[in-house]
Amino acid sequence: MPSAAIIILILFGLFALVIVFVVIGIYNRLVTLKNRFENGFSQIEVQLQRRYDLIPSLVETVKGYMKHERETLEAVIQARNQAVSGLQAAAGDPGNAVAISQLAGAEGMLGGALGKLFALSESYPDLKANQNMASLQEELTSTENKVSFARQAFNDSVTSYNTYKQTFPPVFVAGMFGHGNDASLLEFESEQIKDAPKISF
């Protein structure tokens, strides 16, 4: 008949094995959820990059019509360049709250600059009638809608990740494996980004 010490040792070994399997399960779930929100950000990145690629064509199209609005055109290009830098920083670490916040701020500035450009374009009937301008505006609107859907999916994934790692028992394990900080939602400050400009040409 096994002694009490052996029974205790076996029970302790089984308990330790259960703990190891629980920790492995938590770790795997954290990695899965993190990969999901990082993939969600890559979808945003694709759409934002498409948007940034359209802006120089937009500026070139309006430049000939809006010769006296150079300051506005330069503001759009500067805001676009800041947004590109913000996107690159955030793409390197989508879980970094500072990078996500800076991207959101840069997008807000870009949205404001584009909104001003579209508002000014209303004063130029020839520009409003330009087919290339209409096509670019349609592409931008379509891209804005895709950004909105991708951002919602990303934010949903971030919420799932943050919620899981704040629950019991993952809350005790997450920090040990590099999952200590919550990921940040991507909230654009400008309503002109949330709702694509609806300009009729």
C-alpha atoms as a PDB file:
ATOM      1  CA  MET A   1       0.000   0.000   0.000  1.00  0.00           C
ATOM      2  CA  PRO A   2       1.535   3.320  -1.034  1.00  0.00           C
ATOM      3  CA  SER A   3       2.497   5.611   1.754  1.00  0.00           C
ATOM      4  CA  ALA A   4       0.771   8.933   2.376  1.00  0.00           C
ATOM      5  CA  ALA A   5       3.873  10.771   1.144  1.00  0.00           C
ATOM      6  CA  ILE A   6       3.725   9.045  -2.253  1.00  0.00           C
ATOM      7  CA  ILE A   7      -0.003   9.776  -2.586  1.00  0.00           C
ATOM      8  CA  ILE A   8       0.621  13.447  -1.775  1.00  0.00           C
ATOM      9  CA  LEU A   9       3.466  13.529  -4.299  1.00  0.00           C
ATOM     10  CA  ILE A  10       1.269  11.997  -7.019  1.00  0.00           C
ATOM     11  CA  LEU A  11      -1.557  14.447  -6.253  1.00  0.00           C
ATOM     12  CA  PHE A  12       0.888  17.346  -6.301  1.00  0.00           C
ATOM     13  CA  GLY A  13       2.264  16.117  -9.644  1.00  0.00           C
ATOM     14  CA  LEU A  14      -1.247  15.864 -11.112  1.00  0.00           C
ATOM     15  CA  PHE A  15      -2.124  19.330  -9.820  1.00  0.00           C
ATOM     16  CA  ALA A  16       1.078  20.760 -11.310  1.00  0.00           C
ATOM     17  CA  LEU A  17       0.275  19.055 -14.628  1.00  0.00           C
ATOM     18  CA  VAL A  18      -3.218  20.563 -14.650  1.00  0.00           C
ATOM     19  CA  ILE A  19      -1.744  24.026 -13.934  1.00  0.00           C
ATOM     20  CA  VAL A  20       0.747  23.600 -16.796  1.00  0.00           C
ATOM     21  CA  PHE A  21      -2.048  22.666 -19.221  1.00  0.00           C
ATOM     22  CA  VAL A  22      -4.185  25.603 -18.061  1.00  0.00           C
ATOM     23  CA  VAL A  23      -1.262  28.023 -18.534  1.00  0.00           C
ATOM     24  CA  ILE A  24      -0.537  26.573 -21.992  1.00  0.00           C
ATOM     25  CA  GLY A  25      -4.200  26.988 -22.937  1.00  0.00           C
ATOM     26  CA  ILE A  26      -4.250  30.600 -21.715  1.00  0.00           C
ATOM     27  CA  TYR A  27      -1.006  31.407 -23.546  1.00  0.00           C
ATOM     28  CA  ASN A  28      -2.283  29.902 -26.801  1.00  0.00           C
ATOM     29  CA  ARG A  29      -5.558  31.836 -26.511  1.00  0.00           C
ATOM     30  CA  LEU A  30      -3.691  35.109 -25.872  1.00  0.00           C
ATOM     31  CA  VAL A  31      -1.498  34.541 -28.926  1.00  0.00           C
ATOM     32  CA  THR A  32      -4.547  33.707 -31.060  1.00  0.00           C
ATOM     33  CA  LEU A  33      -6.410  36.848 -29.972  1.00  0.00           C
ATOM     34  CA  LYS A  34      -3.337  39.047 -30.430  1.00  0.00           C
ATOM     35  CA  ASN A  35      -2.750  37.664 -33.922  1.00  0.00           C
ATOM     36  CA  ARG A  36      -6.396  38.314 -34.721  1.00  0.00           C
ATOM     37  CA  PHE A  37      -6.251  42.018 -33.854  1.00  0.00           C
ATOM     38  CA  GLU A  38      -2.873  42.420 -35.579  1.00  0.00           C
ATOM     39  CA  ASN A  39      -4.385  40.894 -38.708  1.00  0.00           C
ATOM     40  CA  GLY A  40      -7.337  43.247 -38.295  1.00  0.00           C
ATOM     41  CA  PHE A  41      -4.934  46.176 -38.267  1.00  0.00           C
ATOM     42  CA  SER A  42      -3.260  44.927 -41.448  1.00  0.00           C
ATOM     43  CA  GLN A  43      -6.664  45.206 -43.152  1.00  0.00           C
ATOM     44  CA  ILE A  44      -6.904  48.836 -42.012  1.00  0.00           C
ATOM     45  CA  GLU A  45      -3.351  49.401 -43.242  1.00  0.00           C
ATOM     46  CA  VAL A  46      -4.233  48.184 -46.745  1.00  0.00           C
ATOM     47  CA  GLN A  47      -7.221  50.520 -46.991  1.00  0.00           C
ATOM     48  CA  LEU A  48      -5.454  53.547 -45.511  1.00  0.00           C
ATOM     49  CA  GLN A  49      -2.518  53.036 -47.860  1.00  0.00           C
ATOM     50  CA  ARG A  50      -4.955  52.950 -50.774  1.00  0.00           C
ATOM     51  CA  ARG A  51      -6.417  56.208 -49.519  1.00  0.00           C
ATOM     52  CA  TYR A  52      -2.996  57.819 -49.152  1.00  0.00           C
ATOM     53  CA  ASP A  53      -2.122  56.745 -52.695  1.00  0.00           C
ATOM     54  CA  LEU A  54      -5.225  58.489 -54.051  1.00  0.00           C
ATOM     55  CA  ILE A  55      -4.500  61.835 -52.393  1.00  0.00           C
ATOM     56  CA  PRO A  56      -1.575  62.954 -54.636  1.00  0.00           C
ATOM     57  CA  SER A  57      -3.752  62.286 -57.700  1.00  0.00           C
ATOM     58  CA  LEU A  58      -6.539  64.300 -56.103  1.00  0.00           C
ATOM     59  CA  VAL A  59      -4.183  67.223 -55.422  1.00  0.00           C
ATOM     60  CA  GLU A  60      -2.816  67.093 -58.970  1.00  0.00           C
ATOM     61  CA  THR A  61      -6.355  67.137 -60.359  1.00  0.00           C
ATOM     62  CA  VAL A  62      -7.480  70.152 -58.351  1.00  0.00           C
ATOM     63  CA  LYS A  63      -4.206  72.073 -58.634  1.00  0.00           C
ATOM     64  CA  GLY A  64      -4.995  73.405 -62.094  1.00  0.00           C
ATOM     65  CA  TYR A  65      -8.389  74.695 -60.982  1.00  0.00           C
ATOM     66  CA  MET A  66      -7.511  75.954 -57.518  1.00  0.00           C
ATOM     67  CA  LYS A  67      -4.332  77.942 -58.210  1.00  0.00           C
ATOM     68  CA  HIS A  68      -5.108  80.420 -55.444  1.00  0.00           C
ATOM     69  CA  GLU A  69      -5.630  77.713 -52.827  1.00  0.00           C
ATOM     70  CA  ARG A  70      -1.993  76.641 -52.563  1.00  0.00           C
ATOM     71  CA  GLU A  71      -2.038  76.744 -48.755  1.00  0.00           C
ATOM     72  CA  THR A  72      -4.951  74.295 -48.649  1.00  0.00           C
ATOM     73  CA  LEU A  73      -3.272  71.919 -51.101  1.00  0.00           C
ATOM     74  CA  GLU A  74      -0.022  72.012 -49.106  1.00  0.00           C
ATOM     75  CA  ALA A  75      -1.964  71.327 -45.894  1.00  0.00           C
ATOM     76  CA  VAL A  76      -3.513  68.231 -47.501  1.00  0.00           C
ATOM     77  CA  ILE A  77      -0.119  66.907 -48.622  1.00  0.00           C
ATOM     78  CA  GLN A  78       1.467  67.634 -45.227  1.00  0.00           C
ATOM     79  CA  ALA A  79      -1.408  65.945 -43.382  1.00  0.00           C
ATOM     80  CA  ARG A  80      -1.194  62.981 -45.747  1.00  0.00           C
ATOM     81  CA  ASN A  81       2.555  62.607 -45.086  1.00  0.00           C
ATOM     82  CA  GLN A  82       2.000  62.732 -41.320  1.00  0.00           C
ATOM     83  CA  ALA A  83      -0.711  60.098 -41.632  1.00  0.00           C
ATOM     84  CA  VAL A  84       1.629  57.863 -43.673  1.00  0.00           C
ATOM     85  CA  SER A  85       4.263  58.146 -40.918  1.00  0.00           C
ATOM     86  CA  GLY A  86       1.639  57.411 -38.275  1.00  0.00           C
ATOM     87  CA  LEU A  87       0.466  54.349 -40.171  1.00  0.00           C
ATOM     88  CA  GLN A  88       4.009  53.014 -40.511  1.00  0.00           C
ATOM     89  CA  ALA A  89       4.620  53.406 -36.773  1.00  0.00           C
ATOM     90  CA  ALA A  90       1.317  51.765 -35.842  1.00  0.00           C
ATOM     91  CA  ALA A  91       1.806  48.930 -38.339  1.00  0.00           C
ATOM     92  CA  GLY A  92       5.068  48.054 -36.590  1.00  0.00           C
ATOM     93  CA  ASP A  93       3.216  47.490 -33.305  1.00  0.00           C
ATOM     94  CA  PRO A  94      -0.605  47.647 -33.509  1.00  0.00           C
ATOM     95  CA  GLY A  95      -0.817  46.965 -29.777  1.00  0.00           C
ATOM     96  CA  ASN A  96       1.116  50.145 -28.918  1.00  0.00           C
ATOM     97  CA  ALA A  97      -1.319  52.673 -27.458  1.00  0.00           C
ATOM     98  CA  VAL A  98       0.904  55.667 -28.284  1.00  0.00           C
ATOM     99  CA  ALA A  99       1.320  54.667 -31.948  1.00  0.00           C
ATOM    100  CA  ILE A 100      -2.411  54.028 -32.344  1.00  0.00           C
ATOM    101  CA  SER A 101      -3.211  57.370 -30.717  1.00  0.00           C
ATOM    102  CA  GLN A 102      -0.773  59.209 -33.003  1.00  0.00           C
ATOM    103  CA  LEU A 103      -2.279  57.534 -36.060  1.00  0.00           C
ATOM    104  CA  ALA A 104      -5.761  58.563 -34.934  1.00  0.00           C
ATOM    105  CA  GLY A 105      -4.590  62.162 -34.479  1.00  0.00           C
ATOM    106  CA  ALA A 106      -2.896  62.229 -37.886  1.00  0.00           C
ATOM    107  CA  GLU A 107      -6.030  60.808 -39.504  1.00  0.00           C
ATOM    108  CA  GLY A 108      -8.085  63.511 -37.813  1.00  0.00           C
ATOM    109  CA  MET A 109      -5.831  66.198 -39.284  1.00  0.00           C
ATOM    110  CA  LEU A 110      -5.985  64.598 -42.724  1.00  0.00           C
ATOM    111  CA  GLY A 111      -9.763  64.367 -42.543  1.00  0.00           C
ATOM    112  CA  GLY A 112      -9.977  68.046 -41.660  1.00  0.00           C
ATOM    113  CA  ALA A 113      -7.656  69.052 -44.512  1.00  0.00           C
ATOM    114  CA  LEU A 114      -9.589  66.938 -47.029  1.00  0.00           C
ATOM    115  CA  GLY A 115     -12.874  68.323 -45.748  1.00  0.00           C
ATOM    116  CA  LYS A 116     -11.619  71.863 -46.326  1.00  0.00           C
ATOM    117  CA  LEU A 117     -10.398  70.936 -49.809  1.00  0.00           C
ATOM    118  CA  PHE A 118     -13.761  69.403 -50.756  1.00  0.00           C
ATOM    119  CA  ALA A 119     -15.617  72.417 -49.354  1.00  0.00           C
ATOM    120  CA  LEU A 120     -13.449  74.806 -51.401  1.00  0.00           C
ATOM    121  CA  SER A 121     -13.921  72.705 -54.534  1.00  0.00           C
ATOM    122  CA  GLU A 122     -17.628  73.564 -54.403  1.00  0.00           C
ATOM    123  CA  SER A 123     -16.660  77.098 -55.515  1.00  0.00           C
ATOM    124  CA  TYR A 124     -15.133  75.785 -58.755  1.00  0.00           C
ATOM    125  CA  PRO A 125     -17.853  74.618 -61.179  1.00  0.00           C
ATOM    126  CA  ASP A 126     -15.330  73.398 -63.768  1.00  0.00           C
ATOM    127  CA  LEU A 127     -13.640  71.264 -61.139  1.00  0.00           C
ATOM    128  CA  LYS A 128     -16.984  69.844 -60.022  1.00  0.00           C
ATOM    129  CA  ALA A 129     -17.641  68.836 -63.627  1.00  0.00           C
ATOM    130  CA  ASN A 130     -14.211  67.177 -64.018  1.00  0.00           C
ATOM    131  CA  GLN A 131     -14.652  63.435 -64.587  1.00  0.00           C
ATOM    132  CA  ASN A 132     -11.304  62.573 -63.000  1.00  0.00           C
ATOM    133  CA  MET A 133     -12.279  64.491 -59.854  1.00  0.00           C
ATOM    134  CA  ALA A 134     -15.603  62.688 -59.674  1.00  0.00           C
ATOM    135  CA  SER A 135     -13.873  59.343 -60.090  1.00  0.00           C
ATOM    136  CA  LEU A 136     -11.300  60.118 -57.383  1.00  0.00           C
ATOM    137  CA  GLN A 137     -13.992  61.299 -55.004  1.00  0.00           C
ATOM    138  CA  GLU A 138     -15.951  58.095 -55.576  1.00  0.00           C
ATOM    139  CA  GLU A 139     -12.843  55.986 -54.931  1.00  0.00           C
ATOM    140  CA  LEU A 140     -12.095  57.937 -51.759  1.00  0.00           C
ATOM    141  CA  THR A 141     -15.644  57.455 -50.512  1.00  0.00           C
ATOM    142  CA  SER A 142     -15.473  53.730 -51.238  1.00  0.00           C
ATOM    143  CA  THR A 143     -12.122  53.502 -49.461  1.00  0.00           C
ATOM    144  CA  GLU A 144     -13.489  55.414 -46.461  1.00  0.00           C
ATOM    145  CA  ASN A 145     -16.283  52.858 -46.156  1.00  0.00           C
ATOM    146  CA  LYS A 146     -13.765  49.993 -46.274  1.00  0.00           C
ATOM    147  CA  VAL A 147     -11.616  51.725 -43.636  1.00  0.00           C
ATOM    148  CA  SER A 148     -14.679  52.040 -41.423  1.00  0.00           C
ATOM    149  CA  PHE A 149     -15.515  48.327 -41.711  1.00  0.00           C
ATOM    150  CA  ALA A 150     -11.885  47.290 -41.172  1.00  0.00           C
ATOM    151  CA  ARG A 151     -11.599  49.593 -38.158  1.00  0.00           C
ATOM    152  CA  GLN A 152     -14.736  48.108 -36.619  1.00  0.00           C
ATOM    153  CA  ALA A 153     -13.356  44.574 -37.070  1.00  0.00           C
ATOM    154  CA  PHE A 154     -10.027  45.646 -35.540  1.00  0.00           C
ATOM    155  CA  ASN A 155     -11.734  47.282 -32.562  1.00  0.00           C
ATOM    156  CA  ASP A 156     -13.874  44.168 -32.018  1.00  0.00           C
ATOM    157  CA  SER A 157     -10.723  42.013 -32.005  1.00  0.00           C
ATOM    158  CA  VAL A 158      -8.950  44.381 -29.612  1.00  0.00           C
ATOM    159  CA  THR A 159     -11.947  44.287 -27.270  1.00  0.00           C
ATOM    160  CA  SER A 160     -11.966  40.470 -27.300  1.00  0.00           C
ATOM    161  CA  TYR A 161      -8.224  40.378 -26.553  1.00  0.00           C
ATOM    162  CA  ASN A 162      -8.435  42.926 -23.724  1.00  0.00           C
ATOM    163  CA  THR A 163     -11.520  41.299 -22.197  1.00  0.00           C
ATOM    164  CA  TYR A 164      -9.973  37.821 -22.225  1.00  0.00           C
ATOM    165  CA  LYS A 165      -6.719  38.872 -20.608  1.00  0.00           C
ATOM    166  CA  GLN A 166      -8.554  40.808 -17.890  1.00  0.00           C
ATOM    167  CA  THR A 167     -10.613  37.765 -16.853  1.00  0.00           C
ATOM    168  CA  PHE A 168      -9.709  35.092 -14.314  1.00  0.00           C
ATOM    169  CA  PRO A 169      -7.351  33.202 -14.533  1.00  0.00           C
ATOM    170  CA  PRO A 170      -5.660  34.826 -17.603  1.00  0.00           C
ATOM    171  CA  VAL A 171      -5.169  38.062 -15.633  1.00  0.00           C
ATOM    172  CA  PHE A 172      -2.525  36.239 -13.543  1.00  0.00           C
ATOM    173  CA  VAL A 173      -0.720  34.791 -16.554  1.00  0.00           C
ATOM    174  CA  ALA A 174      -0.894  37.471 -19.276  1.00  0.00           C
ATOM    175  CA  GLY A 175       1.855  39.716 -17.884  1.00  0.00           C
ATOM    176  CA  MET A 176       4.326  36.831 -17.607  1.00  0.00           C
ATOM    177  CA  PHE A 177       4.147  36.242 -21.368  1.00  0.00           C
ATOM    178  CA  GLY A 178       4.322  39.824 -22.649  1.00  0.00           C
ATOM    179  CA  HIS A 179       0.581  40.487 -22.670  1.00  0.00           C
ATOM    180  CA  GLY A 180       0.545  42.916 -19.741  1.00  0.00           C
ATOM    181  CA  ASN A 181      -0.627  46.051 -21.548  1.00  0.00           C
ATOM    182  CA  ASP A 182      -4.068  46.422 -23.077  1.00  0.00           C
ATOM    183  CA  ALA A 183      -4.261  47.052 -26.812  1.00  0.00           C
ATOM    184  CA  SER A 184      -5.878  50.348 -27.843  1.00  0.00           C
ATOM    185  CA  LEU A 185      -8.969  50.866 -29.922  1.00  0.00           C
ATOM    186  CA  LEU A 186      -8.516  52.905 -33.079  1.00  0.00           C
ATOM    187  CA  GLU A 187     -10.893  55.842 -32.743  1.00  0.00           C
ATOM    188  CA  PHE A 188     -10.646  58.551 -35.373  1.00  0.00           C
ATOM    189  CA  GLU A 189     -11.125  62.028 -33.955  1.00  0.00           C
ATOM    190  CA  SER A 190     -12.571  63.616 -37.058  1.00  0.00           C
ATOM    191  CA  GLU A 191     -16.142  62.942 -38.067  1.00  0.00           C
ATOM    192  CA  GLN A 192     -14.997  63.533 -41.643  1.00  0.00           C
ATOM    193  CA  ILE A 193     -13.077  60.270 -41.368  1.00  0.00           C
ATOM    194  CA  LYS A 194     -15.872  58.333 -39.697  1.00  0.00           C
ATOM    195  CA  ASP A 195     -18.360  59.530 -42.267  1.00  0.00           C
ATOM    196  CA  ALA A 196     -16.822  59.847 -45.714  1.00  0.00           C
ATOM    197  CA  PRO A 197     -17.322  63.221 -47.327  1.00  0.00           C
ATOM    198  CA  LYS A 198     -20.450  63.131 -49.441  1.00  0.00           C
ATOM    199  CA  ILE A 199     -19.739  65.653 -52.173  1.00  0.00           C
ATOM    200  CA  SER A 200     -21.800  65.688 -55.360  1.00  0.00           C
ATOM    201  CA  PHE A 201     -19.932  66.346 -58.589  1.00  0.00           C
END
